[in-house]
Amino acid sequence: MRHRVTIVALQPLDLSKNPDSAHWRYSIPELLNSQPKEASAIRILPESSVSYAFRELKLEPGQPLKPDQVRKLGEVMEVQRVIWGGTQGV
């Protein structure tokens, strides 16, 4: 039996404040969470697990997160990796 890595992609923080770029907050996690599902060694958590972890830690999706908060989110969701970041227009 192969060991599977569990990952989760959090909604990126939109630093651009540009309405034309707002779709990236939803598009990036969707792309990152849907594409690897074909790989046999990766398990993608459902959005309900992410929502639960945010509620458990009294955090809001889309708020700026510190590395320690991301680590705690990963612990609550029991994942080995968390994809986390933001977007910024030029």
PDB file of N, CA and C in Angstrom:
ATOM      1  N   MET A   1       0.835  -1.187   0.000  1.00  0.00           N
ATOM      2  CA  MET A   1       0.000   0.000   0.000  1.00  0.00           C
ATOM      3  C   MET A   1       0.877   1.247   0.000  1.00  0.00           C
ATOM      4  N   ARG A   2       0.586   2.165  -0.907  1.00  0.00           N
ATOM      5  CA  ARG A   2       1.371   3.390  -1.015  1.00  0.00           C
ATOM      6  C   ARG A   2       0.847   4.431  -0.041  1.00  0.00           C
ATOM      7  N   HIS A   3       1.777   5.190   0.524  1.00  0.00           N
ATOM      8  CA  HIS A   3       1.397   6.287   1.419  1.00  0.00           C
ATOM      9  C   HIS A   3       0.874   7.444   0.580  1.00  0.00           C
ATOM     10  N   ARG A   4      -0.291   7.951   0.960  1.00  0.00           N
ATOM     11  CA  ARG A   4      -0.873   9.088   0.248  1.00  0.00           C
ATOM     12  C   ARG A   4      -0.591  10.370   1.003  1.00  0.00           C
ATOM     13  N   VAL A   5      -0.287  11.430   0.278  1.00  0.00           N
ATOM     14  CA  VAL A   5      -0.099  12.756   0.851  1.00  0.00           C
ATOM     15  C   VAL A   5      -1.434  13.473   0.780  1.00  0.00           C
ATOM     16  N   THR A   6      -1.847  14.067   1.887  1.00  0.00           N
ATOM     17  CA  THR A   6      -3.095  14.829   1.909  1.00  0.00           C
ATOM     18  C   THR A   6      -2.763  16.306   1.849  1.00  0.00           C
ATOM     19  N   ILE A   7      -3.377  17.012   0.894  1.00  0.00           N
ATOM     20  CA  ILE A   7      -3.118  18.442   0.740  1.00  0.00           C
ATOM     21  C   ILE A   7      -4.434  19.202   0.757  1.00  0.00           C
ATOM     22  N   VAL A   8      -4.338  20.495   1.005  1.00  0.00           N
ATOM     23  CA  VAL A   8      -5.496  21.374   0.923  1.00  0.00           C
ATOM     24  C   VAL A   8      -5.015  22.715   0.380  1.00  0.00           C
ATOM     25  N   ALA A   9      -5.815  23.346  -0.488  1.00  0.00           N
ATOM     26  CA  ALA A   9      -5.504  24.671  -1.017  1.00  0.00           C
ATOM     27  C   ALA A   9      -6.484  25.660  -0.403  1.00  0.00           C
ATOM     28  N   LEU A  10      -5.960  26.614   0.362  1.00  0.00           N
ATOM     29  CA  LEU A  10      -6.795  27.640   0.971  1.00  0.00           C
ATOM     30  C   LEU A  10      -7.107  28.733  -0.041  1.00  0.00           C
ATOM     31  N   GLN A  11      -8.209  29.427   0.165  1.00  0.00           N
ATOM     32  CA  GLN A  11      -8.583  30.535  -0.710  1.00  0.00           C
ATOM     33  C   GLN A  11      -7.517  31.618  -0.617  1.00  0.00           C
ATOM     34  N   PRO A  12      -6.933  32.058  -1.760  1.00  0.00           N
ATOM     35  CA  PRO A  12      -5.880  33.072  -1.692  1.00  0.00           C
ATOM     36  C   PRO A  12      -6.431  34.430  -1.277  1.00  0.00           C
ATOM     37  N   LEU A  13      -5.592  35.202  -0.645  1.00  0.00           N
ATOM     38  CA  LEU A  13      -5.926  36.560  -0.247  1.00  0.00           C
ATOM     39  C   LEU A  13      -5.820  37.453  -1.481  1.00  0.00           C
ATOM     40  N   ASP A  14      -6.855  38.237  -1.772  1.00  0.00           N
ATOM     41  CA  ASP A  14      -6.842  39.139  -2.921  1.00  0.00           C
ATOM     42  C   ASP A  14      -6.306  40.492  -2.484  1.00  0.00           C
ATOM     43  N   LEU A  15      -5.044  40.757  -2.811  1.00  0.00           N
ATOM     44  CA  LEU A  15      -4.404  42.016  -2.451  1.00  0.00           C
ATOM     45  C   LEU A  15      -4.579  43.075  -3.527  1.00  0.00           C
ATOM     46  N   SER A  16      -5.136  42.706  -4.680  1.00  0.00           N
ATOM     47  CA  SER A  16      -5.236  43.642  -5.799  1.00  0.00           C
ATOM     48  C   SER A  16      -6.346  44.663  -5.618  1.00  0.00           C
ATOM     49  N   LYS A  17      -7.422  44.285  -4.928  1.00  0.00           N
ATOM     50  CA  LYS A  17      -8.618  45.131  -4.777  1.00  0.00           C
ATOM     51  C   LYS A  17      -9.204  45.508  -6.138  1.00  0.00           C
ATOM     52  N   ASN A  18      -8.855  44.751  -7.163  1.00  0.00           N
ATOM     53  CA  ASN A  18      -9.350  44.982  -8.514  1.00  0.00           C
ATOM     54  C   ASN A  18     -10.505  44.014  -8.765  1.00  0.00           C
ATOM     55  N   PRO A  19     -11.717  44.535  -9.011  1.00  0.00           N
ATOM     56  CA  PRO A  19     -12.861  43.652  -9.239  1.00  0.00           C
ATOM     57  C   PRO A  19     -12.652  42.678 -10.403  1.00  0.00           C
ATOM     58  N   ASP A  20     -11.843  43.079 -11.392  1.00  0.00           N
ATOM     59  CA  ASP A  20     -11.590  42.198 -12.538  1.00  0.00           C
ATOM     60  C   ASP A  20     -10.729  40.992 -12.163  1.00  0.00           C
ATOM     61  N   SER A  21     -10.055  41.056 -11.023  1.00  0.00           N
ATOM     62  CA  SER A  21      -9.199  39.951 -10.583  1.00  0.00           C
ATOM     63  C   SER A  21      -9.838  39.115  -9.482  1.00  0.00           C
ATOM     64  N   ALA A  22     -11.028  39.485  -9.045  1.00  0.00           N
ATOM     65  CA  ALA A  22     -11.665  38.812  -7.911  1.00  0.00           C
ATOM     66  C   ALA A  22     -11.899  37.317  -8.158  1.00  0.00           C
ATOM     67  N   HIS A  23     -12.074  36.930  -9.408  1.00  0.00           N
ATOM     68  CA  HIS A  23     -12.341  35.518  -9.719  1.00  0.00           C
ATOM     69  C   HIS A  23     -11.204  34.599  -9.304  1.00  0.00           C
ATOM     70  N   TRP A  24      -9.973  35.124  -9.192  1.00  0.00           N
ATOM     71  CA  TRP A  24      -8.841  34.274  -8.828  1.00  0.00           C
ATOM     72  C   TRP A  24      -8.983  33.690  -7.425  1.00  0.00           C
ATOM     73  N   ARG A  25      -9.706  34.380  -6.531  1.00  0.00           N
ATOM     74  CA  ARG A  25      -9.916  33.857  -5.176  1.00  0.00           C
ATOM     75  C   ARG A  25     -10.627  32.508  -5.225  1.00  0.00           C
ATOM     76  N   TYR A  26     -11.451  32.314  -6.241  1.00  0.00           N
ATOM     77  CA  TYR A  26     -12.227  31.080  -6.367  1.00  0.00           C
ATOM     78  C   TYR A  26     -11.624  30.126  -7.400  1.00  0.00           C
ATOM     79  N   SER A  27     -11.016  30.691  -8.437  1.00  0.00           N
ATOM     80  CA  SER A  27     -10.469  29.867  -9.516  1.00  0.00           C
ATOM     81  C   SER A  27      -9.227  29.094  -9.090  1.00  0.00           C
ATOM     82  N   ILE A  28      -8.322  29.739  -8.365  1.00  0.00           N
ATOM     83  CA  ILE A  28      -7.067  29.084  -7.986  1.00  0.00           C
ATOM     84  C   ILE A  28      -7.322  27.849  -7.120  1.00  0.00           C
ATOM     85  N   PRO A  29      -8.096  27.958  -6.017  1.00  0.00           N
ATOM     86  CA  PRO A  29      -8.336  26.737  -5.236  1.00  0.00           C
ATOM     87  C   PRO A  29      -9.068  25.654  -6.032  1.00  0.00           C
ATOM     88  N   GLU A  30      -9.990  26.070  -6.892  1.00  0.00           N
ATOM     89  CA  GLU A  30     -10.715  25.083  -7.701  1.00  0.00           C
ATOM     90  C   GLU A  30      -9.758  24.321  -8.610  1.00  0.00           C
ATOM     91  N   LEU A  31      -8.841  25.042  -9.258  1.00  0.00           N
ATOM     92  CA  LEU A  31      -7.855  24.385 -10.122  1.00  0.00           C
ATOM     93  C   LEU A  31      -6.932  23.475  -9.312  1.00  0.00           C
ATOM     94  N   LEU A  32      -6.452  23.973  -8.189  1.00  0.00           N
ATOM     95  CA  LEU A  32      -5.514  23.191  -7.389  1.00  0.00           C
ATOM     96  C   LEU A  32      -6.182  21.993  -6.722  1.00  0.00           C
ATOM     97  N   ASN A  33      -7.443  22.121  -6.382  1.00  0.00           N
ATOM     98  CA  ASN A  33      -8.133  21.020  -5.713  1.00  0.00           C
ATOM     99  C   ASN A  33      -8.723  20.007  -6.682  1.00  0.00           C
ATOM    100  N   SER A  34      -8.971  20.400  -7.921  1.00  0.00           N
ATOM    101  CA  SER A  34      -9.598  19.460  -8.848  1.00  0.00           C
ATOM    102  C   SER A  34      -8.581  18.694  -9.695  1.00  0.00           C
ATOM    103  N   GLN A  35      -7.522  19.330 -10.138  1.00  0.00           N
ATOM    104  CA  GLN A  35      -6.578  18.685 -11.041  1.00  0.00           C
ATOM    105  C   GLN A  35      -5.843  17.490 -10.428  1.00  0.00           C
ATOM    106  N   PRO A  36      -5.338  17.578  -9.188  1.00  0.00           N
ATOM    107  CA  PRO A  36      -4.574  16.436  -8.663  1.00  0.00           C
ATOM    108  C   PRO A  36      -5.423  15.229  -8.271  1.00  0.00           C
ATOM    109  N   LYS A  37      -6.731  15.318  -8.357  1.00  0.00           N
ATOM    110  CA  LYS A  37      -7.570  14.191  -7.935  1.00  0.00           C
ATOM    111  C   LYS A  37      -7.297  12.931  -8.752  1.00  0.00           C
ATOM    112  N   GLU A  38      -6.720  13.091  -9.924  1.00  0.00           N
ATOM    113  CA  GLU A  38      -6.402  11.942 -10.766  1.00  0.00           C
ATOM    114  C   GLU A  38      -5.180  11.192 -10.254  1.00  0.00           C
ATOM    115  N   ALA A  39      -4.354  11.827  -9.445  1.00  0.00           N
ATOM    116  CA  ALA A  39      -3.147  11.171  -8.932  1.00  0.00           C
ATOM    117  C   ALA A  39      -3.540  10.199  -7.826  1.00  0.00           C
ATOM    118  N   SER A  40      -2.983   9.008  -7.864  1.00  0.00           N
ATOM    119  CA  SER A  40      -3.372   7.980  -6.898  1.00  0.00           C
ATOM    120  C   SER A  40      -2.762   8.197  -5.517  1.00  0.00           C
ATOM    121  N   ALA A  41      -1.732   9.029  -5.417  1.00  0.00           N
ATOM    122  CA  ALA A  41      -1.052   9.195  -4.137  1.00  0.00           C
ATOM    123  C   ALA A  41      -1.409  10.507  -3.435  1.00  0.00           C
ATOM    124  N   ILE A  42      -2.406  11.227  -3.923  1.00  0.00           N
ATOM    125  CA  ILE A  42      -2.804  12.498  -3.319  1.00  0.00           C
ATOM    126  C   ILE A  42      -4.279  12.441  -2.975  1.00  0.00           C
ATOM    127  N   ARG A  43      -4.612  12.920  -1.792  1.00  0.00           N
ATOM    128  CA  ARG A  43      -6.016  13.007  -1.383  1.00  0.00           C
ATOM    129  C   ARG A  43      -6.343  14.470  -1.153  1.00  0.00           C
ATOM    130  N   ILE A  44      -7.372  14.977  -1.786  1.00  0.00           N
ATOM    131  CA  ILE A  44      -7.811  16.361  -1.646  1.00  0.00           C
ATOM    132  C   ILE A  44      -8.988  16.392  -0.682  1.00  0.00           C
ATOM    133  N   LEU A  45      -8.898  17.255   0.320  1.00  0.00           N
ATOM    134  CA  LEU A  45      -9.996  17.364   1.286  1.00  0.00           C
ATOM    135  C   LEU A  45     -11.164  18.142   0.700  1.00  0.00           C
ATOM    136  N   PRO A  46     -12.373  17.818   1.102  1.00  0.00           N
ATOM    137  CA  PRO A  46     -13.542  18.579   0.644  1.00  0.00           C
ATOM    138  C   PRO A  46     -13.598  19.945   1.324  1.00  0.00           C
ATOM    139  N   GLU A  47     -14.315  20.864   0.712  1.00  0.00           N
ATOM    140  CA  GLU A  47     -14.468  22.220   1.246  1.00  0.00           C
ATOM    141  C   GLU A  47     -15.057  22.199   2.659  1.00  0.00           C
ATOM    142  N   SER A  48     -15.887  21.227   2.962  1.00  0.00           N
ATOM    143  CA  SER A  48     -16.482  21.145   4.301  1.00  0.00           C
ATOM    144  C   SER A  48     -15.406  20.962   5.382  1.00  0.00           C
ATOM    145  N   SER A  49     -14.332  20.263   5.079  1.00  0.00           N
ATOM    146  CA  SER A  49     -13.233  20.093   6.038  1.00  0.00           C
ATOM    147  C   SER A  49     -12.505  21.404   6.271  1.00  0.00           C
ATOM    148  N   VAL A  50     -12.332  22.175   5.196  1.00  0.00           N
ATOM    149  CA  VAL A  50     -11.670  23.479   5.307  1.00  0.00           C
ATOM    150  C   VAL A  50     -12.543  24.424   6.132  1.00  0.00           C
ATOM    151  N   SER A  51     -13.833  24.459   5.838  1.00  0.00           N
ATOM    152  CA  SER A  51     -14.759  25.321   6.582  1.00  0.00           C
ATOM    153  C   SER A  51     -14.760  24.959   8.061  1.00  0.00           C
ATOM    154  N   TYR A  52     -14.770  23.667   8.362  1.00  0.00           N
ATOM    155  CA  TYR A  52     -14.745  23.216   9.750  1.00  0.00           C
ATOM    156  C   TYR A  52     -13.493  23.719  10.467  1.00  0.00           C
ATOM    157  N   ALA A  53     -12.326  23.600   9.817  1.00  0.00           N
ATOM    158  CA  ALA A  53     -11.068  24.016  10.445  1.00  0.00           C
ATOM    159  C   ALA A  53     -11.070  25.519  10.720  1.00  0.00           C
ATOM    160  N   PHE A  54     -11.570  26.319   9.777  1.00  0.00           N
ATOM    161  CA  PHE A  54     -11.643  27.765   9.996  1.00  0.00           C
ATOM    162  C   PHE A  54     -12.561  28.082  11.172  1.00  0.00           C
ATOM    163  N   ARG A  55     -13.709  27.425  11.231  1.00  0.00           N
ATOM    164  CA  ARG A  55     -14.638  27.651  12.353  1.00  0.00           C
ATOM    165  C   ARG A  55     -14.010  27.231  13.676  1.00  0.00           C
ATOM    166  N   GLU A  56     -13.344  26.103  13.676  1.00  0.00           N
ATOM    167  CA  GLU A  56     -12.722  25.567  14.888  1.00  0.00           C
ATOM    168  C   GLU A  56     -11.686  26.545  15.463  1.00  0.00           C
ATOM    169  N   LEU A  57     -10.951  27.220  14.585  1.00  0.00           N
ATOM    170  CA  LEU A  57      -9.912  28.160  15.024  1.00  0.00           C
ATOM    171  C   LEU A  57     -10.402  29.609  15.066  1.00  0.00           C
ATOM    172  N   LYS A  58     -11.704  29.791  14.805  1.00  0.00           N
ATOM    173  CA  LYS A  58     -12.315  31.126  14.823  1.00  0.00           C
ATOM    174  C   LYS A  58     -11.618  32.083  13.845  1.00  0.00           C
ATOM    175  N   LEU A  59     -11.365  31.578  12.628  1.00  0.00           N
ATOM    176  CA  LEU A  59     -10.766  32.355  11.552  1.00  0.00           C
ATOM    177  C   LEU A  59     -11.775  32.497  10.426  1.00  0.00           C
ATOM    178  N   GLU A  60     -11.572  33.484   9.571  1.00  0.00           N
ATOM    179  CA  GLU A  60     -12.439  33.718   8.423  1.00  0.00           C
ATOM    180  C   GLU A  60     -11.693  33.376   7.133  1.00  0.00           C
ATOM    181  N   PRO A  61     -12.300  32.601   6.230  1.00  0.00           N
ATOM    182  CA  PRO A  61     -11.662  32.355   4.932  1.00  0.00           C
ATOM    183  C   PRO A  61     -11.411  33.687   4.214  1.00  0.00           C
ATOM    184  N   GLY A  62     -10.248  33.826   3.610  1.00  0.00           N
ATOM    185  CA  GLY A  62      -9.909  35.051   2.887  1.00  0.00           C
ATOM    186  C   GLY A  62      -9.204  36.089   3.735  1.00  0.00           C
ATOM    187  N   GLN A  63      -9.119  35.886   5.060  1.00  0.00           N
ATOM    188  CA  GLN A  63      -8.406  36.849   5.897  1.00  0.00           C
ATOM    189  C   GLN A  63      -6.910  36.584   5.789  1.00  0.00           C
ATOM    190  N   PRO A  64      -6.065  37.601   6.018  1.00  0.00           N
ATOM    191  CA  PRO A  64      -4.622  37.357   6.023  1.00  0.00           C
ATOM    192  C   PRO A  64      -4.272  36.367   7.138  1.00  0.00           C
ATOM    193  N   LEU A  65      -3.480  35.363   6.802  1.00  0.00           N
ATOM    194  CA  LEU A  65      -3.104  34.334   7.770  1.00  0.00           C
ATOM    195  C   LEU A  65      -1.608  34.370   8.037  1.00  0.00           C
ATOM    196  N   LYS A  66      -1.248  34.150   9.285  1.00  0.00           N
ATOM    197  CA  LYS A  66       0.155  34.044   9.677  1.00  0.00           C
ATOM    198  C   LYS A  66       0.563  32.579   9.547  1.00  0.00           C
ATOM    199  N   PRO A  67       1.864  32.319   9.371  1.00  0.00           N
ATOM    200  CA  PRO A  67       2.315  30.926   9.227  1.00  0.00           C
ATOM    201  C   PRO A  67       1.843  30.006  10.354  1.00  0.00           C
ATOM    202  N   ASP A  68       1.817  30.502  11.581  1.00  0.00           N
ATOM    203  CA  ASP A  68       1.372  29.668  12.698  1.00  0.00           C
ATOM    204  C   ASP A  68      -0.104  29.299  12.567  1.00  0.00           C
ATOM    205  N   GLN A  69      -0.919  30.234  12.058  1.00  0.00           N
ATOM    206  CA  GLN A  69      -2.342  29.944  11.854  1.00  0.00           C
ATOM    207  C   GLN A  69      -2.522  28.877  10.777  1.00  0.00           C
ATOM    208  N   VAL A  70      -1.729  28.968   9.718  1.00  0.00           N
ATOM    209  CA  VAL A  70      -1.804  27.974   8.639  1.00  0.00           C
ATOM    210  C   VAL A  70      -1.383  26.599   9.165  1.00  0.00           C
ATOM    211  N   ARG A  71      -0.342  26.571   9.977  1.00  0.00           N
ATOM    212  CA  ARG A  71       0.099  25.298  10.579  1.00  0.00           C
ATOM    213  C   ARG A  71      -1.019  24.692  11.419  1.00  0.00           C
ATOM    214  N   LYS A  72      -1.696  25.525  12.218  1.00  0.00           N
ATOM    215  CA  LYS A  72      -2.788  25.027  13.054  1.00  0.00           C
ATOM    216  C   LYS A  72      -3.968  24.547  12.207  1.00  0.00           C
ATOM    217  N   LEU A  73      -4.262  25.253  11.108  1.00  0.00           N
ATOM    218  CA  LEU A  73      -5.313  24.792  10.196  1.00  0.00           C
ATOM    219  C   LEU A  73      -4.967  23.406   9.663  1.00  0.00           C
ATOM    220  N   GLY A  74      -3.716  23.234   9.255  1.00  0.00           N
ATOM    221  CA  GLY A  74      -3.267  21.938   8.758  1.00  0.00           C
ATOM    222  C   GLY A  74      -3.396  20.844   9.800  1.00  0.00           C
ATOM    223  N   GLU A  75      -3.097  21.174  11.054  1.00  0.00           N
ATOM    224  CA  GLU A  75      -3.227  20.192  12.133  1.00  0.00           C
ATOM    225  C   GLU A  75      -4.689  19.797  12.347  1.00  0.00           C
ATOM    226  N   VAL A  76      -5.584  20.790  12.350  1.00  0.00           N
ATOM    227  CA  VAL A  76      -7.010  20.488  12.547  1.00  0.00           C
ATOM    228  C   VAL A  76      -7.519  19.593  11.422  1.00  0.00           C
ATOM    229  N   MET A  77      -7.076  19.863  10.183  1.00  0.00           N
ATOM    230  CA  MET A  77      -7.528  19.075   9.037  1.00  0.00           C
ATOM    231  C   MET A  77      -6.730  17.782   8.865  1.00  0.00           C
ATOM    232  N   GLU A  78      -5.649  17.629   9.671  1.00  0.00           N
ATOM    233  CA  GLU A  78      -4.777  16.463   9.604  1.00  0.00           C
ATOM    234  C   GLU A  78      -4.194  16.268   8.205  1.00  0.00           C
ATOM    235  N   VAL A  79      -3.671  17.357   7.643  1.00  0.00           N
ATOM    236  CA  VAL A  79      -3.036  17.296   6.320  1.00  0.00           C
ATOM    237  C   VAL A  79      -1.528  17.473   6.474  1.00  0.00           C
ATOM    238  N   GLN A  80      -0.796  16.932   5.509  1.00  0.00           N
ATOM    239  CA  GLN A  80       0.658  17.063   5.519  1.00  0.00           C
ATOM    240  C   GLN A  80       1.120  18.353   4.840  1.00  0.00           C
ATOM    241  N   ARG A  81       0.325  18.900   3.930  1.00  0.00           N
ATOM    242  CA  ARG A  81       0.706  20.100   3.192  1.00  0.00           C
ATOM    243  C   ARG A  81      -0.498  21.025   3.057  1.00  0.00           C
ATOM    244  N   VAL A  82      -0.234  22.337   3.140  1.00  0.00           N
ATOM    245  CA  VAL A  82      -1.272  23.362   2.920  1.00  0.00           C
ATOM    246  C   VAL A  82      -0.751  24.303   1.838  1.00  0.00           C
ATOM    247  N   ILE A  83      -1.515  24.493   0.781  1.00  0.00           N
ATOM    248  CA  ILE A  83      -1.182  25.462  -0.262  1.00  0.00           C
ATOM    249  C   ILE A  83      -1.867  26.760   0.136  1.00  0.00           C
ATOM    250  N   TRP A  84      -1.075  27.839   0.249  1.00  0.00           N
ATOM    251  CA  TRP A  84      -1.590  29.072   0.815  1.00  0.00           C
ATOM    252  C   TRP A  84      -0.865  30.242   0.171  1.00  0.00           C
ATOM    253  N   GLY A  85      -1.570  31.316  -0.128  1.00  0.00           N
ATOM    254  CA  GLY A  85      -0.938  32.472  -0.745  1.00  0.00           C
ATOM    255  C   GLY A  85      -1.955  33.553  -1.072  1.00  0.00           C
ATOM    256  N   GLY A  86      -1.614  34.396  -2.029  1.00  0.00           N
ATOM    257  CA  GLY A  86      -2.488  35.491  -2.403  1.00  0.00           C
ATOM    258  C   GLY A  86      -2.229  35.943  -3.822  1.00  0.00           C
ATOM    259  N   THR A  87      -3.030  36.861  -4.285  1.00  0.00           N
ATOM    260  CA  THR A  87      -2.862  37.438  -5.622  1.00  0.00           C
ATOM    261  C   THR A  87      -2.703  38.941  -5.483  1.00  0.00           C
ATOM    262  N   GLN A  88      -1.962  39.526  -6.408  1.00  0.00           N
ATOM    263  CA  GLN A  88      -1.781  40.963  -6.397  1.00  0.00           C
ATOM    264  C   GLN A  88      -1.633  41.441  -7.821  1.00  0.00           C
ATOM    265  N   GLY A  89      -2.411  42.445  -8.175  1.00  0.00           N
ATOM    266  CA  GLY A  89      -2.349  42.986  -9.537  1.00  0.00           C
ATOM    267  C   GLY A  89      -1.131  43.855  -9.739  1.00  0.00           C
ATOM    268  N   VAL A  90      -0.819  44.092 -11.002  1.00  0.00           N
ATOM    269  CA  VAL A  90       0.323  44.949 -11.327  1.00  0.00           C
ATOM    270  C   VAL A  90      -0.152  46.288 -11.850  1.00  0.00           C
TER     271      VAL A  90
END
